[in-house]
Amino acid sequence: MHKTIEPTILYFGTPVVLISTLNPDGSPNLTPMSSAWWLGWSCALGLGQMGQTSDNLIRTRECVINLPCEDLVTQVDRACTHHRQKSRAGAET
């Protein structure tokens, strides 16, 4: 017997999603992350407490989660590399 559960639970595991928020000056902030999953109708994000993305989420309580397609792997990888370099240098994301 097949039973559909509503809503379904969706867990991505390790694929990278791009989370976009708005900075205080209205400019966009785009951050790669590899920890996002859905429990029912709620999305859980595995973000650290320090950084511009967390500050933006606390301030606005809004974000957009982008699920890049396979065609964008190279660009997403580039964004992740840039993000890691900024993080290691102590810059906010």
Protein backbone atom coordinates (compact mmCIF):
# COMPACT_ATOMS: atom_id res chain seq x y z
CA MET A 1 0.00 0.00 0.00
CA HIS A 2 1.36 3.43 -0.97
CA LYS A 3 0.55 6.33 1.30
CA THR A 4 1.34 9.95 0.50
CA ILE A 5 2.49 11.96 3.50
CA GLU A 6 1.57 15.63 3.40
CA PRO A 7 3.81 17.57 3.61
CA THR A 8 6.75 15.42 2.69
CA ILE A 9 10.13 15.74 4.36
CA LEU A 10 12.97 16.81 2.12
CA TYR A 11 16.64 16.56 3.12
CA PHE A 12 19.36 17.61 0.68
CA GLY A 13 22.35 16.23 2.55
CA THR A 14 25.48 17.83 1.15
CA PRO A 15 24.49 19.62 -2.09
CA VAL A 16 25.10 23.33 -1.94
CA VAL A 17 22.23 25.80 -1.89
CA LEU A 18 22.62 29.54 -2.31
CA ILE A 19 20.93 31.69 0.30
CA SER A 20 20.28 35.31 -0.55
CA THR A 21 19.45 38.05 1.95
CA LEU A 22 19.42 41.84 1.94
CA ASN A 23 22.14 43.86 3.65
CA PRO A 24 21.14 46.94 5.72
CA ASP A 25 21.94 49.21 2.75
CA GLY A 26 19.60 47.19 0.50
CA SER A 27 22.38 45.47 -1.45
CA PRO A 28 22.12 41.71 -2.00
CA ASN A 29 24.10 39.16 0.01
CA LEU A 30 24.59 35.71 -1.54
CA THR A 31 26.09 32.89 0.50
CA PRO A 32 26.67 29.23 -0.39
CA MET A 33 25.73 26.68 2.25
CA SER A 34 25.51 22.91 2.38
CA SER A 35 23.07 22.44 5.21
CA ALA A 36 19.42 23.02 4.37
CA TRP A 37 16.53 20.64 4.89
CA TRP A 38 12.77 20.73 5.17
CA LEU A 39 10.70 19.32 8.02
CA GLY A 40 7.10 19.63 7.04
CA TRP A 41 6.55 23.16 5.79
CA SER A 42 9.56 24.59 7.65
CA CYS A 43 13.09 24.90 6.32
CA ALA A 44 16.03 24.45 8.70
CA LEU A 45 19.29 26.21 7.83
CA GLY A 46 22.66 25.20 9.23
CA LEU A 47 24.19 28.67 9.55
CA GLY A 48 26.71 29.94 12.04
CA GLN A 49 25.71 32.79 14.33
CA MET A 50 28.47 35.09 13.12
CA GLY A 51 28.36 36.73 9.73
CA GLN A 52 26.36 39.05 7.54
CA THR A 53 23.87 36.40 6.41
CA SER A 54 22.87 35.58 10.00
CA ASP A 55 22.65 39.29 10.86
CA ASN A 56 20.43 39.88 7.82
CA LEU A 57 18.14 36.96 8.70
CA ILE A 58 17.74 38.15 12.28
CA ARG A 59 17.02 41.70 11.11
CA THR A 60 14.62 40.98 8.20
CA ARG A 61 13.44 37.41 8.92
CA GLU A 62 13.52 36.85 5.14
CA CYS A 63 15.70 35.01 2.66
CA VAL A 64 15.52 33.20 -0.66
CA ILE A 65 16.96 29.70 -0.96
CA ASN A 66 18.19 28.96 -4.45
CA LEU A 67 18.64 25.38 -5.63
CA PRO A 68 21.11 25.66 -8.50
CA CYS A 69 20.78 23.22 -11.40
CA GLU A 70 23.56 20.97 -12.62
CA ASP A 71 24.42 23.44 -15.39
CA LEU A 72 25.59 25.94 -12.74
CA VAL A 73 28.05 23.64 -10.93
CA THR A 74 31.13 25.59 -12.09
CA GLN A 75 29.70 28.96 -11.04
CA VAL A 76 28.51 27.64 -7.66
CA ASP A 77 31.91 26.06 -7.04
CA ARG A 78 33.54 29.42 -7.80
CA ALA A 79 31.18 31.16 -5.35
CA CYS A 80 31.99 28.59 -2.64
CA THR A 81 35.74 29.02 -3.18
CA HIS A 82 35.41 32.81 -2.94
CA HIS A 83 33.27 32.46 0.22
CA ARG A 84 35.86 30.14 1.88
CA GLN A 85 38.68 32.54 1.08
CA LYS A 86 36.77 35.47 2.58
CA SER A 87 35.92 33.42 5.68
CA ARG A 88 39.53 32.39 6.22
CA ALA A 89 40.61 36.01 5.90
CA GLY A 90 38.16 36.93 8.66
CA ALA A 91 35.77 38.87 6.45
CA GLU A 92 32.05 38.70 7.10
CA THR A 93 29.88 36.80 4.61
